[in-house]
């Protein structure tokens, strides 16, 4: 279905199978925002008073969310660009949970784009 999916950093055979099962076929998911909502990584405003922040959507496919979590943790340990991103965001004063949320959203976006081009 998508022969290049395992070329994405952090994606192994198990996570690729979960991603492809959730993605199903080309017309199922309309956009990358819909894919993020399906994965449960779309941001939801959780602001109060003067603090502006977001939290992850807790709905959606929990297995897909778990796969993105595994990919994010793997990238945070092995991928140098992700390590520099985490260091930069930590220096900006972001919490570890907030960094992880942003990273999962970014991964969902990149996976959707690669799936849309691979299955075309």
PDB file of N, CA and C in Angstrom:
ATOM      1  N   UNK A   1       0.825  -1.205   0.000  1.00  0.00           N
ATOM      2  CA  UNK A   1       0.000   0.000   0.000  1.00  0.00           C
ATOM      3  C   UNK A   1       0.868   1.267   0.000  1.00  0.00           C
ATOM      4  N   UNK A   2       1.840   1.321   0.891  1.00  0.00           N
ATOM      5  CA  UNK A   2       2.724   2.488   0.980  1.00  0.00           C
ATOM      6  C   UNK A   2       4.146   1.993   1.237  1.00  0.00           C
ATOM      7  N   UNK A   3       4.890   1.660   0.174  1.00  0.00           N
ATOM      8  CA  UNK A   3       6.186   1.026   0.358  1.00  0.00           C
ATOM      9  C   UNK A   3       7.239   1.891   1.042  1.00  0.00           C
ATOM     10  N   UNK A   4       7.130   3.196   1.031  1.00  0.00           N
ATOM     11  CA  UNK A   4       8.143   4.059   1.624  1.00  0.00           C
ATOM     12  C   UNK A   4       7.835   4.509   3.033  1.00  0.00           C
ATOM     13  N   UNK A   5       6.824   3.951   3.657  1.00  0.00           N
ATOM     14  CA  UNK A   5       6.410   4.425   4.983  1.00  0.00           C
ATOM     15  C   UNK A   5       7.478   4.166   6.042  1.00  0.00           C
ATOM     16  N   UNK A   6       8.225   3.082   5.913  1.00  0.00           N
ATOM     17  CA  UNK A   6       9.240   2.781   6.919  1.00  0.00           C
ATOM     18  C   UNK A   6      10.515   3.600   6.745  1.00  0.00           C
ATOM     19  N   UNK A   7      10.580   4.402   5.700  1.00  0.00           N
ATOM     20  CA  UNK A   7      11.726   5.295   5.516  1.00  0.00           C
ATOM     21  C   UNK A   7      11.614   6.536   6.391  1.00  0.00           C
ATOM     22  N   UNK A   8      10.448   6.789   6.950  1.00  0.00           N
ATOM     23  CA  UNK A   8      10.246   7.924   7.847  1.00  0.00           C
ATOM     24  C   UNK A   8      10.960   7.609   9.161  1.00  0.00           C
ATOM     25  N   UNK A   9      11.730   8.558   9.706  1.00  0.00           N
ATOM     26  CA  UNK A   9      12.468   8.280  10.945  1.00  0.00           C
ATOM     27  C   UNK A   9      11.529   7.896  12.090  1.00  0.00           C
ATOM     28  N   UNK A  10      11.853   6.811  12.767  1.00  0.00           N
ATOM     29  CA  UNK A  10      11.084   6.368  13.918  1.00  0.00           C
ATOM     30  C   UNK A  10       9.967   5.396  13.611  1.00  0.00           C
ATOM     31  N   UNK A  11       9.659   5.187  12.336  1.00  0.00           N
ATOM     32  CA  UNK A  11       8.565   4.296  11.959  1.00  0.00           C
ATOM     33  C   UNK A  11       9.133   2.904  11.704  1.00  0.00           C
ATOM     34  N   UNK A  12       8.640   1.952  12.483  1.00  0.00           N
ATOM     35  CA  UNK A  12       9.031   0.564  12.313  1.00  0.00           C
ATOM     36  C   UNK A  12       7.882  -0.225  11.716  1.00  0.00           C
ATOM     37  N   UNK A  13       8.005  -1.538  11.616  1.00  0.00           N
ATOM     38  CA  UNK A  13       6.948  -2.342  11.003  1.00  0.00           C
ATOM     39  C   UNK A  13       5.637  -2.335  11.785  1.00  0.00           C
ATOM     40  N   UNK A  14       5.727  -2.344  13.104  1.00  0.00           N
ATOM     41  CA  UNK A  14       4.513  -2.356  13.925  1.00  0.00           C
ATOM     42  C   UNK A  14       3.758  -1.030  13.830  1.00  0.00           C
ATOM     43  N   UNK A  15       4.479   0.082  13.986  1.00  0.00           N
ATOM     44  CA  UNK A  15       3.825   1.390  13.908  1.00  0.00           C
ATOM     45  C   UNK A  15       3.328   1.663  12.491  1.00  0.00           C
ATOM     46  N   UNK A  16       4.054   1.191  11.484  1.00  0.00           N
ATOM     47  CA  UNK A  16       3.597   1.369  10.101  1.00  0.00           C
ATOM     48  C   UNK A  16       2.297   0.623   9.864  1.00  0.00           C
ATOM     49  N   UNK A  17       2.169  -0.569  10.430  1.00  0.00           N
ATOM     50  CA  UNK A  17       0.935  -1.338  10.279  1.00  0.00           C
ATOM     51  C   UNK A  17      -0.238  -0.624  10.943  1.00  0.00           C
ATOM     52  N   UNK A  18      -0.007  -0.063  12.117  1.00  0.00           N
ATOM     53  CA  UNK A  18      -1.077   0.678  12.805  1.00  0.00           C
ATOM     54  C   UNK A  18      -1.480   1.904  11.998  1.00  0.00           C
ATOM     55  N   UNK A  19      -0.501   2.631  11.475  1.00  0.00           N
ATOM     56  CA  UNK A  19      -0.780   3.839  10.693  1.00  0.00           C
ATOM     57  C   UNK A  19      -1.563   3.493   9.435  1.00  0.00           C
ATOM     58  N   UNK A  20      -1.132   2.467   8.727  1.00  0.00           N
ATOM     59  CA  UNK A  20      -1.810   2.086   7.489  1.00  0.00           C
ATOM     60  C   UNK A  20      -3.213   1.546   7.749  1.00  0.00           C
ATOM     61  N   UNK A  21      -3.404   0.871   8.860  1.00  0.00           N
ATOM     62  CA  UNK A  21      -4.740   0.391   9.209  1.00  0.00           C
ATOM     63  C   UNK A  21      -5.680   1.558   9.486  1.00  0.00           C
ATOM     64  N   UNK A  22      -5.190   2.567  10.184  1.00  0.00           N
ATOM     65  CA  UNK A  22      -6.029   3.725  10.485  1.00  0.00           C
ATOM     66  C   UNK A  22      -6.293   4.563   9.232  1.00  0.00           C
ATOM     67  N   UNK A  23      -5.262   4.710   8.390  1.00  0.00           N
ATOM     68  CA  UNK A  23      -5.403   5.502   7.163  1.00  0.00           C
ATOM     69  C   UNK A  23      -6.330   4.812   6.167  1.00  0.00           C
ATOM     70  N   UNK A  24      -6.280   3.507   6.102  1.00  0.00           N
ATOM     71  CA  UNK A  24      -7.140   2.643   5.303  1.00  0.00           C
ATOM     72  C   UNK A  24      -6.936   2.830   3.800  1.00  0.00           C
ATOM     73  N   UNK A  25      -7.459   3.891   3.238  1.00  0.00           N
ATOM     74  CA  UNK A  25      -7.310   4.130   1.805  1.00  0.00           C
ATOM     75  C   UNK A  25      -7.297   5.629   1.550  1.00  0.00           C
ATOM     76  N   UNK A  26      -6.966   6.009   0.331  1.00  0.00           N
ATOM     77  CA  UNK A  26      -6.719   7.412  -0.002  1.00  0.00           C
ATOM     78  C   UNK A  26      -7.897   8.344   0.281  1.00  0.00           C
ATOM     79  N   UNK A  27      -9.110   7.962   0.049  1.00  0.00           N
ATOM     80  CA  UNK A  27     -10.236   8.877   0.207  1.00  0.00           C
ATOM     81  C   UNK A  27     -10.850   8.926   1.596  1.00  0.00           C
ATOM     82  N   UNK A  28     -10.338   8.130   2.531  1.00  0.00           N
ATOM     83  CA  UNK A  28     -10.968   8.047   3.854  1.00  0.00           C
ATOM     84  C   UNK A  28     -10.755   9.303   4.690  1.00  0.00           C
ATOM     85  N   UNK A  29      -9.559   9.848   4.685  1.00  0.00           N
ATOM     86  CA  UNK A  29      -9.230  11.017   5.490  1.00  0.00           C
ATOM     87  C   UNK A  29      -9.117  12.223   4.562  1.00  0.00           C
ATOM     88  N   UNK A  30      -9.888  13.276   4.839  1.00  0.00           N
ATOM     89  CA  UNK A  30      -9.973  14.435   3.949  1.00  0.00           C
ATOM     90  C   UNK A  30      -8.721  15.299   3.932  1.00  0.00           C
ATOM     91  N   UNK A  31      -8.142  15.525   5.115  1.00  0.00           N
ATOM     92  CA  UNK A  31      -7.022  16.460   5.210  1.00  0.00           C
ATOM     93  C   UNK A  31      -6.102  16.046   6.348  1.00  0.00           C
ATOM     94  N   UNK A  32      -4.995  16.774   6.467  1.00  0.00           N
ATOM     95  CA  UNK A  32      -4.073  16.458   7.559  1.00  0.00           C
ATOM     96  C   UNK A  32      -4.669  16.816   8.918  1.00  0.00           C
ATOM     97  N   UNK A  33      -5.547  17.818   8.956  1.00  0.00           N
ATOM     98  CA  UNK A  33      -6.230  18.140  10.208  1.00  0.00           C
ATOM     99  C   UNK A  33      -7.184  17.017  10.611  1.00  0.00           C
ATOM    100  N   UNK A  34      -7.851  16.418   9.627  1.00  0.00           N
ATOM    101  CA  UNK A  34      -8.736  15.288   9.914  1.00  0.00           C
ATOM    102  C   UNK A  34      -7.927  14.075  10.369  1.00  0.00           C
ATOM    103  N   UNK A  35      -6.745  13.883   9.798  1.00  0.00           N
ATOM    104  CA  UNK A  35      -5.879  12.778  10.221  1.00  0.00           C
ATOM    105  C   UNK A  35      -5.398  13.011  11.651  1.00  0.00           C
ATOM    106  N   UNK A  36      -5.072  14.254  11.981  1.00  0.00           N
ATOM    107  CA  UNK A  36      -4.642  14.565  13.346  1.00  0.00           C
ATOM    108  C   UNK A  36      -5.786  14.357  14.337  1.00  0.00           C
ATOM    109  N   UNK A  37      -7.003  14.710  13.940  1.00  0.00           N
ATOM    110  CA  UNK A  37      -8.155  14.476  14.802  1.00  0.00           C
ATOM    111  C   UNK A  37      -8.418  12.982  14.959  1.00  0.00           C
ATOM    112  N   UNK A  38      -8.241  12.227  13.881  1.00  0.00           N
ATOM    113  CA  UNK A  38      -8.391  10.780  13.950  1.00  0.00           C
ATOM    114  C   UNK A  38      -7.363  10.170  14.901  1.00  0.00           C
ATOM    115  N   UNK A  39      -6.161  10.711  14.892  1.00  0.00           N
ATOM    116  CA  UNK A  39      -5.096  10.208  15.759  1.00  0.00           C
ATOM    117  C   UNK A  39      -5.220  10.727  17.183  1.00  0.00           C
ATOM    118  N   UNK A  40      -6.054  11.716  17.414  1.00  0.00           N
ATOM    119  CA  UNK A  40      -6.191  12.276  18.745  1.00  0.00           C
ATOM    120  C   UNK A  40      -5.080  13.234  19.106  1.00  0.00           C
ATOM    121  N   UNK A  41      -4.473  13.885  18.111  1.00  0.00           N
ATOM    122  CA  UNK A  41      -3.391  14.830  18.383  1.00  0.00           C
ATOM    123  C   UNK A  41      -3.726  16.238  17.896  1.00  0.00           C
ATOM    124  N   UNK A  42      -4.989  16.491  17.631  1.00  0.00           N
ATOM    125  CA  UNK A  42      -5.364  17.844  17.233  1.00  0.00           C
ATOM    126  C   UNK A  42      -5.417  18.726  18.486  1.00  0.00           C
ATOM    127  N   UNK A  43      -4.893  19.938  18.397  1.00  0.00           N
ATOM    128  CA  UNK A  43      -4.855  20.795  19.581  1.00  0.00           C
ATOM    129  C   UNK A  43      -6.239  21.348  19.935  1.00  0.00           C
ATOM    130  N   UNK A  44      -6.512  21.380  21.229  1.00  0.00           N
ATOM    131  CA  UNK A  44      -7.747  21.955  21.758  1.00  0.00           C
ATOM    132  C   UNK A  44      -7.347  23.085  22.697  1.00  0.00           C
ATOM    133  N   UNK A  45      -7.937  24.277  22.547  1.00  0.00           N
ATOM    134  CA  UNK A  45      -7.578  25.373  23.458  1.00  0.00           C
ATOM    135  C   UNK A  45      -7.906  25.012  24.909  1.00  0.00           C
ATOM    136  N   UNK A  46      -6.934  25.230  25.792  1.00  0.00           N
ATOM    137  CA  UNK A  46      -7.123  24.980  27.223  1.00  0.00           C
ATOM    138  C   UNK A  46      -6.590  26.177  27.994  1.00  0.00           C
ATOM    139  N   UNK A  47      -6.964  27.355  27.549  1.00  0.00           N
ATOM    140  CA  UNK A  47      -6.439  28.586  28.118  1.00  0.00           C
ATOM    141  C   UNK A  47      -7.267  29.025  29.317  1.00  0.00           C
ATOM    142  N   UNK A  48      -6.609  29.758  30.184  1.00  0.00           N
ATOM    143  CA  UNK A  48      -7.305  30.355  31.318  1.00  0.00           C
ATOM    144  C   UNK A  48      -6.649  31.690  31.624  1.00  0.00           C
ATOM    145  N   UNK A  49      -7.478  32.700  31.818  1.00  0.00           N
ATOM    146  CA  UNK A  49      -6.995  34.051  32.140  1.00  0.00           C
ATOM    147  C   UNK A  49      -5.957  34.522  31.128  1.00  0.00           C
ATOM    148  N   UNK A  50      -4.745  34.777  31.571  1.00  0.00           N
ATOM    149  CA  UNK A  50      -3.702  35.319  30.703  1.00  0.00           C
ATOM    150  C   UNK A  50      -2.834  34.243  30.056  1.00  0.00           C
ATOM    151  N   UNK A  51      -3.038  32.987  30.412  1.00  0.00           N
ATOM    152  CA  UNK A  51      -2.240  31.896  29.887  1.00  0.00           C
ATOM    153  C   UNK A  51      -2.896  31.332  28.634  1.00  0.00           C
ATOM    154  N   UNK A  52      -2.135  31.287  27.539  1.00  0.00           N
ATOM    155  CA  UNK A  52      -2.632  30.709  26.301  1.00  0.00           C
ATOM    156  C   UNK A  52      -1.899  29.403  26.062  1.00  0.00           C
ATOM    157  N   UNK A  53      -2.643  28.307  26.096  1.00  0.00           N
ATOM    158  CA  UNK A  53      -2.030  27.014  25.860  1.00  0.00           C
ATOM    159  C   UNK A  53      -3.045  26.086  25.219  1.00  0.00           C
ATOM    160  N   UNK A  54      -2.569  24.934  24.760  1.00  0.00           N
ATOM    161  CA  UNK A  54      -3.420  23.932  24.128  1.00  0.00           C
ATOM    162  C   UNK A  54      -3.168  22.586  24.777  1.00  0.00           C
ATOM    163  N   UNK A  55      -4.118  21.697  24.629  1.00  0.00           N
ATOM    164  CA  UNK A  55      -3.935  20.321  25.059  1.00  0.00           C
ATOM    165  C   UNK A  55      -4.328  19.416  23.900  1.00  0.00           C
ATOM    166  N   UNK A  56      -4.003  18.132  24.014  1.00  0.00           N
ATOM    167  CA  UNK A  56      -4.330  17.202  22.950  1.00  0.00           C
ATOM    168  C   UNK A  56      -5.779  16.761  23.045  1.00  0.00           C
ATOM    169  N   UNK A  57      -6.342  16.482  21.905  1.00  0.00           N
ATOM    170  CA  UNK A  57      -7.681  15.921  21.827  1.00  0.00           C
ATOM    171  C   UNK A  57      -7.611  14.484  22.339  1.00  0.00           C
ATOM    172  N   UNK A  58      -8.432  14.118  23.296  1.00  0.00           N
ATOM    173  CA  UNK A  58      -8.379  12.780  23.881  1.00  0.00           C
ATOM    174  C   UNK A  58      -9.244  11.772  23.131  1.00  0.00           C
ATOM    175  N   UNK A  59      -9.902  12.194  22.078  1.00  0.00           N
ATOM    176  CA  UNK A  59     -10.739  11.293  21.296  1.00  0.00           C
ATOM    177  C   UNK A  59      -9.943  10.772  20.105  1.00  0.00           C
ATOM    178  N   UNK A  60     -10.499   9.860  19.388  1.00  0.00           N
ATOM    179  CA  UNK A  60      -9.842   9.340  18.204  1.00  0.00           C
ATOM    180  C   UNK A  60      -9.326   7.931  18.412  1.00  0.00           C
ATOM    181  N   UNK A  61      -8.545   7.488  17.472  1.00  0.00           N
ATOM    182  CA  UNK A  61      -7.997   6.139  17.475  1.00  0.00           C
ATOM    183  C   UNK A  61      -6.833   6.065  18.458  1.00  0.00           C
ATOM    184  N   UNK A  62      -7.002   5.343  19.555  1.00  0.00           N
ATOM    185  CA  UNK A  62      -5.980   5.282  20.595  1.00  0.00           C
ATOM    186  C   UNK A  62      -4.745   4.510  20.135  1.00  0.00           C
ATOM    187  N   UNK A  63      -4.934   3.525  19.261  1.00  0.00           N
ATOM    188  CA  UNK A  63      -3.784   2.781  18.753  1.00  0.00           C
ATOM    189  C   UNK A  63      -2.911   3.667  17.860  1.00  0.00           C
ATOM    190  N   UNK A  64      -3.558   4.487  17.048  1.00  0.00           N
ATOM    191  CA  UNK A  64      -2.812   5.418  16.202  1.00  0.00           C
ATOM    192  C   UNK A  64      -2.088   6.447  17.057  1.00  0.00           C
ATOM    193  N   UNK A  65      -2.744   6.916  18.102  1.00  0.00           N
ATOM    194  CA  UNK A  65      -2.108   7.861  19.022  1.00  0.00           C
ATOM    195  C   UNK A  65      -0.900   7.215  19.692  1.00  0.00           C
ATOM    196  N   UNK A  66      -1.021   5.961  20.065  1.00  0.00           N
ATOM    197  CA  UNK A  66       0.084   5.240  20.682  1.00  0.00           C
ATOM    198  C   UNK A  66       1.239   5.097  19.694  1.00  0.00           C
ATOM    199  N   UNK A  67       0.937   4.821  18.435  1.00  0.00           N
ATOM    200  CA  UNK A  67       1.986   4.705  17.416  1.00  0.00           C
ATOM    201  C   UNK A  67       2.727   6.028  17.255  1.00  0.00           C
ATOM    202  N   UNK A  68       1.996   7.142  17.239  1.00  0.00           N
ATOM    203  CA  UNK A  68       2.644   8.452  17.135  1.00  0.00           C
ATOM    204  C   UNK A  68       3.486   8.739  18.379  1.00  0.00           C
ATOM    205  N   UNK A  69       3.010   8.289  19.533  1.00  0.00           N
ATOM    206  CA  UNK A  69       3.769   8.460  20.770  1.00  0.00           C
ATOM    207  C   UNK A  69       5.092   7.692  20.702  1.00  0.00           C
ATOM    208  N   UNK A  70       5.052   6.472  20.198  1.00  0.00           N
ATOM    209  CA  UNK A  70       6.264   5.665  20.060  1.00  0.00           C
ATOM    210  C   UNK A  70       7.238   6.329  19.082  1.00  0.00           C
ATOM    211  N   UNK A  71       6.725   6.824  17.971  1.00  0.00           N
ATOM    212  CA  UNK A  71       7.568   7.496  16.979  1.00  0.00           C
ATOM    213  C   UNK A  71       8.199   8.748  17.578  1.00  0.00           C
ATOM    214  N   UNK A  72       7.412   9.524  18.334  1.00  0.00           N
ATOM    215  CA  UNK A  72       7.930  10.752  18.943  1.00  0.00           C
ATOM    216  C   UNK A  72       9.030  10.438  19.955  1.00  0.00           C
ATOM    217  N   UNK A  73       8.820   9.436  20.786  1.00  0.00           N
ATOM    218  CA  UNK A  73       9.844   9.065  21.771  1.00  0.00           C
ATOM    219  C   UNK A  73      11.105   8.557  21.097  1.00  0.00           C
ATOM    220  N   UNK A  74      10.944   7.778  20.046  1.00  0.00           N
ATOM    221  CA  UNK A  74      12.095   7.270  19.305  1.00  0.00           C
ATOM    222  C   UNK A  74      12.881   8.413  18.678  1.00  0.00           C
ATOM    223  N   UNK A  75      12.177   9.366  18.095  1.00  0.00           N
ATOM    224  CA  UNK A  75      12.855  10.513  17.478  1.00  0.00           C
ATOM    225  C   UNK A  75      13.539  11.396  18.516  1.00  0.00           C
ATOM    226  N   UNK A  76      12.920  11.530  19.690  1.00  0.00           N
ATOM    227  CA  UNK A  76      13.522  12.360  20.736  1.00  0.00           C
ATOM    228  C   UNK A  76      14.832  11.757  21.237  1.00  0.00           C
ATOM    229  N   UNK A  77      14.992  10.460  21.082  1.00  0.00           N
ATOM    230  CA  UNK A  77      16.210   9.788  21.538  1.00  0.00           C
ATOM    231  C   UNK A  77      17.261   9.717  20.439  1.00  0.00           C
ATOM    232  N   UNK A  78      16.842   9.449  19.184  1.00  0.00           N
ATOM    233  CA  UNK A  78      17.820   9.142  18.136  1.00  0.00           C
ATOM    234  C   UNK A  78      17.996  10.211  17.068  1.00  0.00           C
ATOM    235  N   UNK A  79      16.960  10.972  16.730  1.00  0.00           N
ATOM    236  CA  UNK A  79      17.023  11.900  15.604  1.00  0.00           C
ATOM    237  C   UNK A  79      17.664  13.224  16.026  1.00  0.00           C
ATOM    238  N   UNK A  80      18.777  13.634  15.396  1.00  0.00           N
ATOM    239  CA  UNK A  80      19.445  14.872  15.819  1.00  0.00           C
ATOM    240  C   UNK A  80      18.606  16.131  15.601  1.00  0.00           C
ATOM    241  N   UNK A  81      17.804  16.195  14.534  1.00  0.00           N
ATOM    242  CA  UNK A  81      16.986  17.391  14.321  1.00  0.00           C
ATOM    243  C   UNK A  81      15.896  17.502  15.388  1.00  0.00           C
ATOM    244  N   UNK A  82      15.341  16.372  15.782  1.00  0.00           N
ATOM    245  CA  UNK A  82      14.328  16.391  16.834  1.00  0.00           C
ATOM    246  C   UNK A  82      14.950  16.746  18.175  1.00  0.00           C
ATOM    247  N   UNK A  83      16.145  16.254  18.426  1.00  0.00           N
ATOM    248  CA  UNK A  83      16.849  16.610  19.660  1.00  0.00           C
ATOM    249  C   UNK A  83      17.089  18.112  19.739  1.00  0.00           C
ATOM    250  N   UNK A  84      17.523  18.702  18.624  1.00  0.00           N
ATOM    251  CA  UNK A  84      17.759  20.149  18.620  1.00  0.00           C
ATOM    252  C   UNK A  84      16.454  20.910  18.781  1.00  0.00           C
ATOM    253  N   UNK A  85      15.357  20.388  18.201  1.00  0.00           N
ATOM    254  CA  UNK A  85      14.044  21.011  18.375  1.00  0.00           C
ATOM    255  C   UNK A  85      13.625  20.984  19.844  1.00  0.00           C
ATOM    256  N   UNK A  86      13.814  19.846  20.502  1.00  0.00           N
ATOM    257  CA  UNK A  86      13.452  19.722  21.922  1.00  0.00           C
ATOM    258  C   UNK A  86      14.304  20.657  22.768  1.00  0.00           C
ATOM    259  N   UNK A  87      15.592  20.738  22.478  1.00  0.00           N
ATOM    260  CA  UNK A  87      16.470  21.645  23.220  1.00  0.00           C
ATOM    261  C   UNK A  87      16.065  23.101  23.026  1.00  0.00           C
ATOM    262  N   UNK A  88      15.724  23.457  21.792  1.00  0.00           N
ATOM    263  CA  UNK A  88      15.317  24.838  21.502  1.00  0.00           C
ATOM    264  C   UNK A  88      14.027  25.191  22.226  1.00  0.00           C
ATOM    265  N   UNK A  89      13.044  24.285  22.190  1.00  0.00           N
ATOM    266  CA  UNK A  89      11.762  24.550  22.853  1.00  0.00           C
ATOM    267  C   UNK A  89      11.906  24.561  24.379  1.00  0.00           C
ATOM    268  N   UNK A  90      12.815  23.743  24.905  1.00  0.00           N
ATOM    269  CA  UNK A  90      13.067  23.752  26.346  1.00  0.00           C
ATOM    270  C   UNK A  90      13.695  25.081  26.755  1.00  0.00           C
ATOM    271  N   UNK A  91      14.596  25.589  25.927  1.00  0.00           N
ATOM    272  CA  UNK A  91      15.221  26.885  26.199  1.00  0.00           C
ATOM    273  C   UNK A  91      14.194  28.019  26.145  1.00  0.00           C
ATOM    274  N   UNK A  92      13.147  27.841  25.336  1.00  0.00           N
ATOM    275  CA  UNK A  92      12.081  28.843  25.264  1.00  0.00           C
ATOM    276  C   UNK A  92      11.177  28.801  26.490  1.00  0.00           C
ATOM    277  N   UNK A  93      11.320  27.774  27.318  1.00  0.00           N
ATOM    278  CA  UNK A  93      10.526  27.672  28.530  1.00  0.00           C
ATOM    279  C   UNK A  93       9.296  26.792  28.396  1.00  0.00           C
ATOM    280  N   UNK A  94       9.213  26.012  27.337  1.00  0.00           N
ATOM    281  CA  UNK A  94       8.072  25.117  27.159  1.00  0.00           C
ATOM    282  C   UNK A  94       8.222  23.889  28.055  1.00  0.00           C
ATOM    283  N   UNK A  95       7.097  23.381  28.518  1.00  0.00           N
ATOM    284  CA  UNK A  95       7.101  22.170  29.336  1.00  0.00           C
ATOM    285  C   UNK A  95       7.308  20.953  28.449  1.00  0.00           C
ATOM    286  N   UNK A  96       7.756  19.866  29.047  1.00  0.00           N
ATOM    287  CA  UNK A  96       8.021  18.636  28.293  1.00  0.00           C
ATOM    288  C   UNK A  96       6.743  18.110  27.632  1.00  0.00           C
ATOM    289  N   UNK A  97       5.611  18.203  28.323  1.00  0.00           N
ATOM    290  CA  UNK A  97       4.339  17.755  27.753  1.00  0.00           C
ATOM    291  C   UNK A  97       3.950  18.593  26.537  1.00  0.00           C
ATOM    292  N   UNK A  98       4.174  19.889  26.616  1.00  0.00           N
ATOM    293  CA  UNK A  98       3.847  20.785  25.504  1.00  0.00           C
ATOM    294  C   UNK A  98       4.734  20.486  24.295  1.00  0.00           C
ATOM    295  N   UNK A  99       5.998  20.225  24.535  1.00  0.00           N
ATOM    296  CA  UNK A  99       6.919  19.876  23.454  1.00  0.00           C
ATOM    297  C   UNK A  99       6.486  18.568  22.808  1.00  0.00           C
ATOM    298  N   UNK A 100       6.117  17.604  23.617  1.00  0.00           N
ATOM    299  CA  UNK A 100       5.676  16.305  23.112  1.00  0.00           C
ATOM    300  C   UNK A 100       4.387  16.452  22.297  1.00  0.00           C
ATOM    301  N   UNK A 101       3.467  17.309  22.741  1.00  0.00           N
ATOM    302  CA  UNK A 101       2.229  17.556  22.010  1.00  0.00           C
ATOM    303  C   UNK A 101       2.516  18.153  20.641  1.00  0.00           C
ATOM    304  N   UNK A 102       3.375  19.154  20.585  1.00  0.00           N
ATOM    305  CA  UNK A 102       3.733  19.783  19.310  1.00  0.00           C
ATOM    306  C   UNK A 102       4.434  18.794  18.383  1.00  0.00           C
ATOM    307  N   UNK A 103       5.276  17.971  18.946  1.00  0.00           N
ATOM    308  CA  UNK A 103       6.015  16.991  18.150  1.00  0.00           C
ATOM    309  C   UNK A 103       5.073  15.937  17.563  1.00  0.00           C
ATOM    310  N   UNK A 104       4.097  15.473  18.335  1.00  0.00           N
ATOM    311  CA  UNK A 104       3.151  14.487  17.827  1.00  0.00           C
ATOM    312  C   UNK A 104       2.301  15.077  16.707  1.00  0.00           C
ATOM    313  N   UNK A 105       1.928  16.335  16.830  1.00  0.00           N
ATOM    314  CA  UNK A 105       1.150  16.995  15.775  1.00  0.00           C
ATOM    315  C   UNK A 105       1.983  17.122  14.505  1.00  0.00           C
ATOM    316  N   UNK A 106       3.252  17.480  14.657  1.00  0.00           N
ATOM    317  CA  UNK A 106       4.147  17.593  13.508  1.00  0.00           C
ATOM    318  C   UNK A 106       4.330  16.235  12.824  1.00  0.00           C
ATOM    319  N   UNK A 107       4.490  15.183  13.617  1.00  0.00           N
ATOM    320  CA  UNK A 107       4.667  13.845  13.061  1.00  0.00           C
ATOM    321  C   UNK A 107       3.414  13.407  12.313  1.00  0.00           C
ATOM    322  N   UNK A 108       2.241  13.683  12.874  1.00  0.00           N
ATOM    323  CA  UNK A 108       0.988  13.337  12.197  1.00  0.00           C
ATOM    324  C   UNK A 108       0.882  14.067  10.867  1.00  0.00           C
ATOM    325  N   UNK A 109       1.288  15.331  10.842  1.00  0.00           N
ATOM    326  CA  UNK A 109       1.243  16.114   9.610  1.00  0.00           C
ATOM    327  C   UNK A 109       2.180  15.530   8.556  1.00  0.00           C
ATOM    328  N   UNK A 110       3.396  15.197   8.950  1.00  0.00           N
ATOM    329  CA  UNK A 110       4.357  14.665   7.982  1.00  0.00           C
ATOM    330  C   UNK A 110       3.963  13.272   7.501  1.00  0.00           C
ATOM    331  N   UNK A 111       3.413  12.442   8.375  1.00  0.00           N
ATOM    332  CA  UNK A 111       2.975  11.106   7.969  1.00  0.00           C
ATOM    333  C   UNK A 111       1.809  11.197   7.003  1.00  0.00           C
ATOM    334  N   UNK A 112       0.867  12.099   7.269  1.00  0.00           N
ATOM    335  CA  UNK A 112      -0.267  12.246   6.343  1.00  0.00           C
ATOM    336  C   UNK A 112       0.220  12.682   4.971  1.00  0.00           C
ATOM    337  N   UNK A 113       1.136  13.638   4.936  1.00  0.00           N
ATOM    338  CA  UNK A 113       1.643  14.105   3.638  1.00  0.00           C
ATOM    339  C   UNK A 113       2.364  13.003   2.878  1.00  0.00           C
ATOM    340  N   UNK A 114       3.141  12.210   3.607  1.00  0.00           N
ATOM    341  CA  UNK A 114       3.845  11.127   2.923  1.00  0.00           C
ATOM    342  C   UNK A 114       2.872  10.038   2.472  1.00  0.00           C
ATOM    343  N   UNK A 115       1.847   9.739   3.259  1.00  0.00           N
ATOM    344  CA  UNK A 115       0.849   8.753   2.841  1.00  0.00           C
ATOM    345  C   UNK A 115       0.064   9.233   1.623  1.00  0.00           C
ATOM    346  N   UNK A 116      -0.242  10.515   1.601  1.00  0.00           N
ATOM    347  CA  UNK A 116      -1.007  11.055   0.464  1.00  0.00           C
ATOM    348  C   UNK A 116      -0.185  10.983  -0.822  1.00  0.00           C
ATOM    349  N   UNK A 117       1.136  11.160  -0.729  1.00  0.00           N
ATOM    350  CA  UNK A 117       1.956  11.079  -1.935  1.00  0.00           C
ATOM    351  C   UNK A 117       2.320   9.633  -2.276  1.00  0.00           C
ATOM    352  N   UNK A 118       2.491   8.781  -1.265  1.00  0.00           N
ATOM    353  CA  UNK A 118       2.866   7.394  -1.514  1.00  0.00           C
ATOM    354  C   UNK A 118       1.719   6.580  -2.112  1.00  0.00           C
ATOM    355  N   UNK A 119       0.492   6.877  -1.702  1.00  0.00           N
ATOM    356  CA  UNK A 119      -0.648   6.091  -2.197  1.00  0.00           C
ATOM    357  C   UNK A 119      -1.290   6.695  -3.417  1.00  0.00           C
ATOM    358  N   UNK A 120      -0.718   7.775  -3.933  1.00  0.00           N
ATOM    359  CA  UNK A 120      -1.297   8.426  -5.119  1.00  0.00           C
ATOM    360  C   UNK A 120      -1.100   7.599  -6.370  1.00  0.00           C
TER     361      UNK A 120
END
